[in-house]
């Protein structure tokens, strides 16, 4: 259901292009080491294939506060915002160019 939601959500915005769905089915969000899809998403961000991350909630991104901050800061340093839909929160928004 979430895959359908985010596919429609992203495809409904003409300024966005779906870069992929990264879902670690049945894997705990408490630790990012074994989350292959999460790590693939981060890798694709770092090589410039993704310029914004949209996720259902903070707890779906990662349940570990230190990991959450680490990855938000890492992505911020690359100019990639993370949007948490449930909380309606983007920790930072890039300045217009």
PDB file of N, CA and C in Angstrom:
ATOM      1  N   UNK A   1       0.813  -1.189   0.000  1.00  0.00           N
ATOM      2  CA  UNK A   1       0.000   0.000   0.000  1.00  0.00           C
ATOM      3  C   UNK A   1       0.871   1.272   0.000  1.00  0.00           C
ATOM      4  N   UNK A   2       1.931   1.251   0.810  1.00  0.00           N
ATOM      5  CA  UNK A   2       2.818   2.417   0.860  1.00  0.00           C
ATOM      6  C   UNK A   2       3.540   2.625  -0.473  1.00  0.00           C
ATOM      7  N   UNK A   3       3.905   1.537  -1.131  1.00  0.00           N
ATOM      8  CA  UNK A   3       4.583   1.662  -2.422  1.00  0.00           C
ATOM      9  C   UNK A   3       3.653   2.339  -3.422  1.00  0.00           C
ATOM     10  N   UNK A   4       2.392   1.908  -3.457  1.00  0.00           N
ATOM     11  CA  UNK A   4       1.413   2.537  -4.353  1.00  0.00           C
ATOM     12  C   UNK A   4       1.221   4.008  -4.011  1.00  0.00           C
ATOM     13  N   UNK A   5       1.125   4.305  -2.710  1.00  0.00           N
ATOM     14  CA  UNK A   5       0.928   5.685  -2.266  1.00  0.00           C
ATOM     15  C   UNK A   5       2.074   6.583  -2.746  1.00  0.00           C
ATOM     16  N   UNK A   6       3.305   6.170  -2.491  1.00  0.00           N
ATOM     17  CA  UNK A   6       4.440   7.027  -2.831  1.00  0.00           C
ATOM     18  C   UNK A   6       4.703   7.083  -4.332  1.00  0.00           C
ATOM     19  N   UNK A   7       4.413   5.998  -5.033  1.00  0.00           N
ATOM     20  CA  UNK A   7       4.533   6.044  -6.490  1.00  0.00           C
ATOM     21  C   UNK A   7       3.562   7.072  -7.058  1.00  0.00           C
ATOM     22  N   UNK A   8       2.309   7.040  -6.608  1.00  0.00           N
ATOM     23  CA  UNK A   8       1.303   8.019  -7.068  1.00  0.00           C
ATOM     24  C   UNK A   8       1.657   9.431  -6.613  1.00  0.00           C
ATOM     25  N   UNK A   9       2.068   9.565  -5.356  1.00  0.00           N
ATOM     26  CA  UNK A   9       2.406  10.867  -4.777  1.00  0.00           C
ATOM     27  C   UNK A   9       3.516  11.543  -5.582  1.00  0.00           C
ATOM     28  N   UNK A  10       4.567  10.806  -5.879  1.00  0.00           N
ATOM     29  CA  UNK A  10       5.698  11.378  -6.602  1.00  0.00           C
ATOM     30  C   UNK A  10       5.340  11.630  -8.064  1.00  0.00           C
ATOM     31  N   UNK A  11       4.665  10.671  -8.676  1.00  0.00           N
ATOM     32  CA  UNK A  11       4.300  10.826 -10.096  1.00  0.00           C
ATOM     33  C   UNK A  11       3.264  11.925 -10.324  1.00  0.00           C
ATOM     34  N   UNK A  12       2.543  12.320  -9.281  1.00  0.00           N
ATOM     35  CA  UNK A  12       1.539  13.379  -9.435  1.00  0.00           C
ATOM     36  C   UNK A  12       2.159  14.779  -9.444  1.00  0.00           C
ATOM     37  N   UNK A  13       3.428  14.896  -9.088  1.00  0.00           N
ATOM     38  CA  UNK A  13       4.112  16.182  -9.109  1.00  0.00           C
ATOM     39  C   UNK A  13       4.954  16.254 -10.385  1.00  0.00           C
ATOM     40  N   UNK A  14       4.576  17.125 -11.323  1.00  0.00           N
ATOM     41  CA  UNK A  14       5.290  17.176 -12.601  1.00  0.00           C
ATOM     42  C   UNK A  14       6.763  17.602 -12.481  1.00  0.00           C
ATOM     43  N   UNK A  15       7.152  18.171 -11.354  1.00  0.00           N
ATOM     44  CA  UNK A  15       8.541  18.596 -11.172  1.00  0.00           C
ATOM     45  C   UNK A  15       9.420  17.485 -10.597  1.00  0.00           C
ATOM     46  N   UNK A  16       8.808  16.366 -10.226  1.00  0.00           N
ATOM     47  CA  UNK A  16       9.552  15.261  -9.624  1.00  0.00           C
ATOM     48  C   UNK A  16       9.644  14.086 -10.579  1.00  0.00           C
ATOM     49  N   UNK A  17      10.671  13.290 -10.373  1.00  0.00           N
ATOM     50  CA  UNK A  17      10.827  12.040 -11.113  1.00  0.00           C
ATOM     51  C   UNK A  17      11.143  10.951 -10.094  1.00  0.00           C
ATOM     52  N   UNK A  18      10.412   9.861 -10.158  1.00  0.00           N
ATOM     53  CA  UNK A  18      10.608   8.745  -9.227  1.00  0.00           C
ATOM     54  C   UNK A  18      11.968   8.115  -9.474  1.00  0.00           C
ATOM     55  N   UNK A  19      12.813   8.138  -8.455  1.00  0.00           N
ATOM     56  CA  UNK A  19      14.159   7.560  -8.559  1.00  0.00           C
ATOM     57  C   UNK A  19      14.168   6.119  -8.077  1.00  0.00           C
ATOM     58  N   UNK A  20      13.077   5.684  -7.466  1.00  0.00           N
ATOM     59  CA  UNK A  20      12.997   4.308  -6.986  1.00  0.00           C
ATOM     60  C   UNK A  20      12.273   4.235  -5.660  1.00  0.00           C
ATOM     61  N   UNK A  21      11.876   3.030  -5.342  1.00  0.00           N
ATOM     62  CA  UNK A  21      11.282   2.740  -4.037  1.00  0.00           C
ATOM     63  C   UNK A  21      12.300   1.894  -3.294  1.00  0.00           C
ATOM     64  N   UNK A  22      12.637   2.302  -2.109  1.00  0.00           N
ATOM     65  CA  UNK A  22      13.657   1.619  -1.312  1.00  0.00           C
ATOM     66  C   UNK A  22      13.002   1.119  -0.031  1.00  0.00           C
ATOM     67  N   UNK A  23      12.605  -0.142  -0.022  1.00  0.00           N
ATOM     68  CA  UNK A  23      11.844  -0.699   1.096  1.00  0.00           C
ATOM     69  C   UNK A  23      12.545  -1.940   1.639  1.00  0.00           C
ATOM     70  N   UNK A  24      12.885  -1.900   2.901  1.00  0.00           N
ATOM     71  CA  UNK A  24      13.475  -3.047   3.586  1.00  0.00           C
ATOM     72  C   UNK A  24      12.368  -3.803   4.297  1.00  0.00           C
ATOM     73  N   UNK A  25      11.702  -4.685   3.591  1.00  0.00           N
ATOM     74  CA  UNK A  25      10.590  -5.451   4.164  1.00  0.00           C
ATOM     75  C   UNK A  25      11.066  -6.362   5.280  1.00  0.00           C
ATOM     76  N   UNK A  26      10.437  -6.218   6.437  1.00  0.00           N
ATOM     77  CA  UNK A  26      10.709  -7.099   7.561  1.00  0.00           C
ATOM     78  C   UNK A  26      12.029  -6.870   8.267  1.00  0.00           C
ATOM     79  N   UNK A  27      12.715  -5.783   7.941  1.00  0.00           N
ATOM     80  CA  UNK A  27      13.993  -5.475   8.582  1.00  0.00           C
ATOM     81  C   UNK A  27      13.776  -4.342   9.572  1.00  0.00           C
ATOM     82  N   UNK A  28      14.285  -4.511  10.772  1.00  0.00           N
ATOM     83  CA  UNK A  28      14.133  -3.482  11.801  1.00  0.00           C
ATOM     84  C   UNK A  28      14.865  -2.210  11.404  1.00  0.00           C
ATOM     85  N   UNK A  29      14.243  -1.082  11.713  1.00  0.00           N
ATOM     86  CA  UNK A  29      14.865   0.213  11.453  1.00  0.00           C
ATOM     87  C   UNK A  29      15.799   0.648  12.553  1.00  0.00           C
ATOM     88  N   UNK A  30      15.999  -0.221  13.549  1.00  0.00           N
ATOM     89  CA  UNK A  30      16.830   0.141  14.697  1.00  0.00           C
ATOM     90  C   UNK A  30      18.308   0.238  14.331  1.00  0.00           C
ATOM     91  N   UNK A  31      18.719  -0.454  13.269  1.00  0.00           N
ATOM     92  CA  UNK A  31      20.115  -0.460  12.873  1.00  0.00           C
ATOM     93  C   UNK A  31      20.181  -0.414  11.349  1.00  0.00           C
ATOM     94  N   UNK A  32      20.972   0.462  10.799  1.00  0.00           N
ATOM     95  CA  UNK A  32      21.027   0.618   9.340  1.00  0.00           C
ATOM     96  C   UNK A  32      21.988  -0.358   8.670  1.00  0.00           C
ATOM     97  N   UNK A  33      22.813  -1.050   9.432  1.00  0.00           N
ATOM     98  CA  UNK A  33      23.817  -1.950   8.840  1.00  0.00           C
ATOM     99  C   UNK A  33      23.220  -3.031   7.951  1.00  0.00           C
ATOM    100  N   UNK A  34      22.121  -3.624   8.365  1.00  0.00           N
ATOM    101  CA  UNK A  34      21.533  -4.735   7.612  1.00  0.00           C
ATOM    102  C   UNK A  34      20.378  -4.302   6.705  1.00  0.00           C
ATOM    103  N   UNK A  35      20.180  -3.006   6.564  1.00  0.00           N
ATOM    104  CA  UNK A  35      19.093  -2.487   5.725  1.00  0.00           C
ATOM    105  C   UNK A  35      19.643  -2.197   4.324  1.00  0.00           C
ATOM    106  N   UNK A  36      19.650  -3.238   3.502  1.00  0.00           N
ATOM    107  CA  UNK A  36      20.250  -3.144   2.174  1.00  0.00           C
ATOM    108  C   UNK A  36      19.622  -2.048   1.322  1.00  0.00           C
ATOM    109  N   UNK A  37      18.306  -1.948   1.343  1.00  0.00           N
ATOM    110  CA  UNK A  37      17.633  -0.938   0.512  1.00  0.00           C
ATOM    111  C   UNK A  37      17.894   0.477   1.025  1.00  0.00           C
ATOM    112  N   UNK A  38      17.913   0.658   2.323  1.00  0.00           N
ATOM    113  CA  UNK A  38      18.244   1.966   2.901  1.00  0.00           C
ATOM    114  C   UNK A  38      19.653   2.371   2.460  1.00  0.00           C
ATOM    115  N   UNK A  39      20.584   1.449   2.582  1.00  0.00           N
ATOM    116  CA  UNK A  39      21.973   1.739   2.209  1.00  0.00           C
ATOM    117  C   UNK A  39      22.117   1.979   0.706  1.00  0.00           C
ATOM    118  N   UNK A  40      21.351   1.272  -0.106  1.00  0.00           N
ATOM    119  CA  UNK A  40      21.362   1.514  -1.553  1.00  0.00           C
ATOM    120  C   UNK A  40      20.832   2.915  -1.860  1.00  0.00           C
ATOM    121  N   UNK A  41      19.781   3.331  -1.142  1.00  0.00           N
ATOM    122  CA  UNK A  41      19.227   4.670  -1.325  1.00  0.00           C
ATOM    123  C   UNK A  41      20.278   5.734  -0.968  1.00  0.00           C
ATOM    124  N   UNK A  42      20.934   5.559   0.160  1.00  0.00           N
ATOM    125  CA  UNK A  42      21.968   6.519   0.572  1.00  0.00           C
ATOM    126  C   UNK A  42      23.082   6.563  -0.473  1.00  0.00           C
ATOM    127  N   UNK A  43      23.510   5.389  -0.950  1.00  0.00           N
ATOM    128  CA  UNK A  43      24.558   5.344  -1.976  1.00  0.00           C
ATOM    129  C   UNK A  43      24.128   6.091  -3.236  1.00  0.00           C
ATOM    130  N   UNK A  44      22.881   5.904  -3.649  1.00  0.00           N
ATOM    131  CA  UNK A  44      22.396   6.590  -4.851  1.00  0.00           C
ATOM    132  C   UNK A  44      22.295   8.092  -4.635  1.00  0.00           C
ATOM    133  N   UNK A  45      21.992   8.510  -3.414  1.00  0.00           N
ATOM    134  CA  UNK A  45      22.022   9.943  -3.092  1.00  0.00           C
ATOM    135  C   UNK A  45      23.445  10.482  -3.249  1.00  0.00           C
ATOM    136  N   UNK A  46      24.399   9.745  -2.719  1.00  0.00           N
ATOM    137  CA  UNK A  46      25.780  10.219  -2.707  1.00  0.00           C
ATOM    138  C   UNK A  46      26.411  10.296  -4.089  1.00  0.00           C
ATOM    139  N   UNK A  47      25.902   9.511  -5.037  1.00  0.00           N
ATOM    140  CA  UNK A  47      26.445   9.581  -6.401  1.00  0.00           C
ATOM    141  C   UNK A  47      25.593  10.460  -7.312  1.00  0.00           C
ATOM    142  N   UNK A  48      24.610  11.166  -6.741  1.00  0.00           N
ATOM    143  CA  UNK A  48      23.845  12.144  -7.498  1.00  0.00           C
ATOM    144  C   UNK A  48      22.629  11.623  -8.232  1.00  0.00           C
ATOM    145  N   UNK A  49      22.199  10.401  -7.945  1.00  0.00           N
ATOM    146  CA  UNK A  49      21.024   9.846  -8.619  1.00  0.00           C
ATOM    147  C   UNK A  49      19.715  10.246  -7.947  1.00  0.00           C
ATOM    148  N   UNK A  50      19.795  10.724  -6.709  1.00  0.00           N
ATOM    149  CA  UNK A  50      18.607  11.138  -5.946  1.00  0.00           C
ATOM    150  C   UNK A  50      18.886  12.519  -5.369  1.00  0.00           C
ATOM    151  N   UNK A  51      17.918  13.454  -5.519  1.00  0.00           N
ATOM    152  CA  UNK A  51      18.129  14.801  -4.981  1.00  0.00           C
ATOM    153  C   UNK A  51      17.126  15.174  -3.900  1.00  0.00           C
ATOM    154  N   UNK A  52      16.259  14.233  -3.517  1.00  0.00           N
ATOM    155  CA  UNK A  52      15.330  14.446  -2.401  1.00  0.00           C
ATOM    156  C   UNK A  52      14.829  13.079  -1.935  1.00  0.00           C
ATOM    157  N   UNK A  53      14.709  12.921  -0.633  1.00  0.00           N
ATOM    158  CA  UNK A  53      14.190  11.679  -0.056  1.00  0.00           C
ATOM    159  C   UNK A  53      12.847  11.982   0.578  1.00  0.00           C
ATOM    160  N   UNK A  54      11.857  11.169   0.254  1.00  0.00           N
ATOM    161  CA  UNK A  54      10.530  11.289   0.852  1.00  0.00           C
ATOM    162  C   UNK A  54      10.247   9.989   1.574  1.00  0.00           C
ATOM    163  N   UNK A  55       9.870  10.090   2.848  1.00  0.00           N
ATOM    164  CA  UNK A  55       9.597   8.898   3.636  1.00  0.00           C
ATOM    165  C   UNK A  55       8.338   9.100   4.475  1.00  0.00           C
ATOM    166  N   UNK A  56       7.713   8.010   4.835  1.00  0.00           N
ATOM    167  CA  UNK A  56       6.456   8.072   5.580  1.00  0.00           C
ATOM    168  C   UNK A  56       6.637   8.789   6.910  1.00  0.00           C
ATOM    169  N   UNK A  57       7.672   8.414   7.646  1.00  0.00           N
ATOM    170  CA  UNK A  57       7.854   8.995   8.979  1.00  0.00           C
ATOM    171  C   UNK A  57       9.309   8.855   9.409  1.00  0.00           C
ATOM    172  N   UNK A  58       9.635   9.556  10.468  1.00  0.00           N
ATOM    173  CA  UNK A  58      10.986   9.470  11.021  1.00  0.00           C
ATOM    174  C   UNK A  58      11.315   8.025  11.375  1.00  0.00           C
ATOM    175  N   UNK A  59      10.357   7.313  11.974  1.00  0.00           N
ATOM    176  CA  UNK A  59      10.625   5.934  12.392  1.00  0.00           C
ATOM    177  C   UNK A  59      10.797   4.986  11.206  1.00  0.00           C
ATOM    178  N   UNK A  60      10.284   5.338  10.029  1.00  0.00           N
ATOM    179  CA  UNK A  60      10.505   4.519   8.832  1.00  0.00           C
ATOM    180  C   UNK A  60      11.877   4.810   8.224  1.00  0.00           C
ATOM    181  N   UNK A  61      12.383   6.003   8.452  1.00  0.00           N
ATOM    182  CA  UNK A  61      13.719   6.360   7.960  1.00  0.00           C
ATOM    183  C   UNK A  61      14.752   5.591   8.782  1.00  0.00           C
ATOM    184  N   UNK A  62      14.733   5.785  10.078  1.00  0.00           N
ATOM    185  CA  UNK A  62      15.548   5.016  11.023  1.00  0.00           C
ATOM    186  C   UNK A  62      15.017   5.257  12.430  1.00  0.00           C
ATOM    187  N   UNK A  63      15.075   4.229  13.251  1.00  0.00           N
ATOM    188  CA  UNK A  63      14.577   4.353  14.624  1.00  0.00           C
ATOM    189  C   UNK A  63      15.651   4.822  15.597  1.00  0.00           C
ATOM    190  N   UNK A  64      16.881   4.784  15.168  1.00  0.00           N
ATOM    191  CA  UNK A  64      17.991   5.193  16.013  1.00  0.00           C
ATOM    192  C   UNK A  64      18.248   6.683  15.798  1.00  0.00           C
ATOM    193  N   UNK A  65      18.120   7.469  16.855  1.00  0.00           N
ATOM    194  CA  UNK A  65      18.258   8.925  16.756  1.00  0.00           C
ATOM    195  C   UNK A  65      19.616   9.340  16.206  1.00  0.00           C
ATOM    196  N   UNK A  66      20.676   8.685  16.669  1.00  0.00           N
ATOM    197  CA  UNK A  66      22.008   9.053  16.192  1.00  0.00           C
ATOM    198  C   UNK A  66      22.160   8.746  14.704  1.00  0.00           C
ATOM    199  N   UNK A  67      21.644   7.594  14.262  1.00  0.00           N
ATOM    200  CA  UNK A  67      21.685   7.274  12.834  1.00  0.00           C
ATOM    201  C   UNK A  67      20.863   8.275  12.030  1.00  0.00           C
ATOM    202  N   UNK A  68      19.709   8.629  12.546  1.00  0.00           N
ATOM    203  CA  UNK A  68      18.842   9.589  11.859  1.00  0.00           C
ATOM    204  C   UNK A  68      19.580  10.909  11.645  1.00  0.00           C
ATOM    205  N   UNK A  69      20.160  11.424  12.694  1.00  0.00           N
ATOM    206  CA  UNK A  69      20.907  12.681  12.593  1.00  0.00           C
ATOM    207  C   UNK A  69      22.104  12.548  11.657  1.00  0.00           C
ATOM    208  N   UNK A  70      22.808  11.431  11.749  1.00  0.00           N
ATOM    209  CA  UNK A  70      23.971  11.189  10.896  1.00  0.00           C
ATOM    210  C   UNK A  70      23.590  11.255   9.425  1.00  0.00           C
ATOM    211  N   UNK A  71      22.515  10.563   9.053  1.00  0.00           N
ATOM    212  CA  UNK A  71      22.144  10.514   7.633  1.00  0.00           C
ATOM    213  C   UNK A  71      21.507  11.813   7.158  1.00  0.00           C
ATOM    214  N   UNK A  72      20.739  12.476   8.013  1.00  0.00           N
ATOM    215  CA  UNK A  72      20.184  13.777   7.621  1.00  0.00           C
ATOM    216  C   UNK A  72      21.320  14.769   7.376  1.00  0.00           C
ATOM    217  N   UNK A  73      22.326  14.767   8.248  1.00  0.00           N
ATOM    218  CA  UNK A  73      23.467  15.673   8.080  1.00  0.00           C
ATOM    219  C   UNK A  73      24.280  15.314   6.842  1.00  0.00           C
ATOM    220  N   UNK A  74      24.478  14.018   6.613  1.00  0.00           N
ATOM    221  CA  UNK A  74      25.216  13.572   5.436  1.00  0.00           C
ATOM    222  C   UNK A  74      24.512  14.034   4.164  1.00  0.00           C
ATOM    223  N   UNK A  75      23.202  13.837   4.120  1.00  0.00           N
ATOM    224  CA  UNK A  75      22.439  14.249   2.940  1.00  0.00           C
ATOM    225  C   UNK A  75      22.384  15.765   2.823  1.00  0.00           C
ATOM    226  N   UNK A  76      22.253  16.449   3.945  1.00  0.00           N
ATOM    227  CA  UNK A  76      22.240  17.918   3.919  1.00  0.00           C
ATOM    228  C   UNK A  76      23.537  18.454   3.316  1.00  0.00           C
ATOM    229  N   UNK A  77      24.656  17.855   3.700  1.00  0.00           N
ATOM    230  CA  UNK A  77      25.948  18.287   3.159  1.00  0.00           C
ATOM    231  C   UNK A  77      26.012  18.139   1.641  1.00  0.00           C
ATOM    232  N   UNK A  78      25.170  17.263   1.088  1.00  0.00           N
ATOM    233  CA  UNK A  78      25.109  17.044  -0.363  1.00  0.00           C
ATOM    234  C   UNK A  78      23.950  17.817  -0.999  1.00  0.00           C
ATOM    235  N   UNK A  79      23.216  18.604  -0.172  1.00  0.00           N
ATOM    236  CA  UNK A  79      22.093  19.391  -0.683  1.00  0.00           C
ATOM    237  C   UNK A  79      20.834  18.584  -0.917  1.00  0.00           C
ATOM    238  N   UNK A  80      20.692  17.457  -0.210  1.00  0.00           N
ATOM    239  CA  UNK A  80      19.550  16.558  -0.406  1.00  0.00           C
ATOM    240  C   UNK A  80      18.641  16.609   0.822  1.00  0.00           C
ATOM    241  N   UNK A  81      17.451  17.220   0.673  1.00  0.00           N
ATOM    242  CA  UNK A  81      16.520  17.255   1.810  1.00  0.00           C
ATOM    243  C   UNK A  81      15.817  15.915   2.005  1.00  0.00           C
ATOM    244  N   UNK A  82      15.389  15.673   3.237  1.00  0.00           N
ATOM    245  CA  UNK A  82      14.581  14.498   3.587  1.00  0.00           C
ATOM    246  C   UNK A  82      13.245  15.025   4.082  1.00  0.00           C
ATOM    247  N   UNK A  83      12.145  14.523   3.494  1.00  0.00           N
ATOM    248  CA  UNK A  83      10.805  14.941   3.895  1.00  0.00           C
ATOM    249  C   UNK A  83      10.125  13.785   4.611  1.00  0.00           C
ATOM    250  N   UNK A  84       9.674  14.035   5.846  1.00  0.00           N
ATOM    251  CA  UNK A  84       8.952  13.057   6.648  1.00  0.00           C
ATOM    252  C   UNK A  84       7.470  13.409   6.562  1.00  0.00           C
ATOM    253  N   UNK A  85       6.713  12.623   5.794  1.00  0.00           N
ATOM    254  CA  UNK A  85       5.333  12.970   5.490  1.00  0.00           C
ATOM    255  C   UNK A  85       4.442  13.000   6.733  1.00  0.00           C
ATOM    256  N   UNK A  86       4.490  11.979   7.568  1.00  0.00           N
ATOM    257  CA  UNK A  86       3.613  11.906   8.739  1.00  0.00           C
ATOM    258  C   UNK A  86       3.790  13.122   9.650  1.00  0.00           C
ATOM    259  N   UNK A  87       5.024  13.521   9.856  1.00  0.00           N
ATOM    260  CA  UNK A  87       5.322  14.660  10.728  1.00  0.00           C
ATOM    261  C   UNK A  87       5.238  15.988   9.974  1.00  0.00           C
ATOM    262  N   UNK A  88       5.062  15.928   8.654  1.00  0.00           N
ATOM    263  CA  UNK A  88       5.072  17.118   7.798  1.00  0.00           C
ATOM    264  C   UNK A  88       6.314  17.960   8.104  1.00  0.00           C
ATOM    265  N   UNK A  89       7.455  17.297   8.037  1.00  0.00           N
ATOM    266  CA  UNK A  89       8.707  17.900   8.484  1.00  0.00           C
ATOM    267  C   UNK A  89       9.810  17.679   7.461  1.00  0.00           C
ATOM    268  N   UNK A  90      10.477  18.749   7.131  1.00  0.00           N
ATOM    269  CA  UNK A  90      11.730  18.696   6.396  1.00  0.00           C
ATOM    270  C   UNK A  90      12.727  19.431   7.287  1.00  0.00           C
ATOM    271  N   UNK A  91      13.692  18.698   7.879  1.00  0.00           N
ATOM    272  CA  UNK A  91      14.610  19.341   8.822  1.00  0.00           C
ATOM    273  C   UNK A  91      15.294  20.586   8.277  1.00  0.00           C
ATOM    274  N   UNK A  92      15.464  20.665   6.982  1.00  0.00           N
ATOM    275  CA  UNK A  92      16.039  21.861   6.358  1.00  0.00           C
ATOM    276  C   UNK A  92      15.591  21.863   4.897  1.00  0.00           C
ATOM    277  N   UNK A  93      15.549  23.022   4.333  1.00  0.00           N
ATOM    278  CA  UNK A  93      15.169  23.173   2.935  1.00  0.00           C
ATOM    279  C   UNK A  93      16.296  23.904   2.225  1.00  0.00           C
ATOM    280  N   UNK A  94      16.751  23.347   1.099  1.00  0.00           N
ATOM    281  CA  UNK A  94      17.868  24.005   0.401  1.00  0.00           C
ATOM    282  C   UNK A  94      17.494  25.408  -0.065  1.00  0.00           C
ATOM    283  N   UNK A  95      18.459  26.286  -0.028  1.00  0.00           N
ATOM    284  CA  UNK A  95      18.235  27.658  -0.504  1.00  0.00           C
ATOM    285  C   UNK A  95      18.088  27.636  -2.022  1.00  0.00           C
ATOM    286  N   UNK A  96      17.227  28.512  -2.519  1.00  0.00           N
ATOM    287  CA  UNK A  96      17.023  28.622  -3.960  1.00  0.00           C
ATOM    288  C   UNK A  96      18.337  29.048  -4.625  1.00  0.00           C
ATOM    289  N   UNK A  97      18.576  28.488  -5.786  1.00  0.00           N
ATOM    290  CA  UNK A  97      19.825  28.807  -6.510  1.00  0.00           C
ATOM    291  C   UNK A  97      19.658  30.043  -7.351  1.00  0.00           C
TER     292      UNK A  97
END
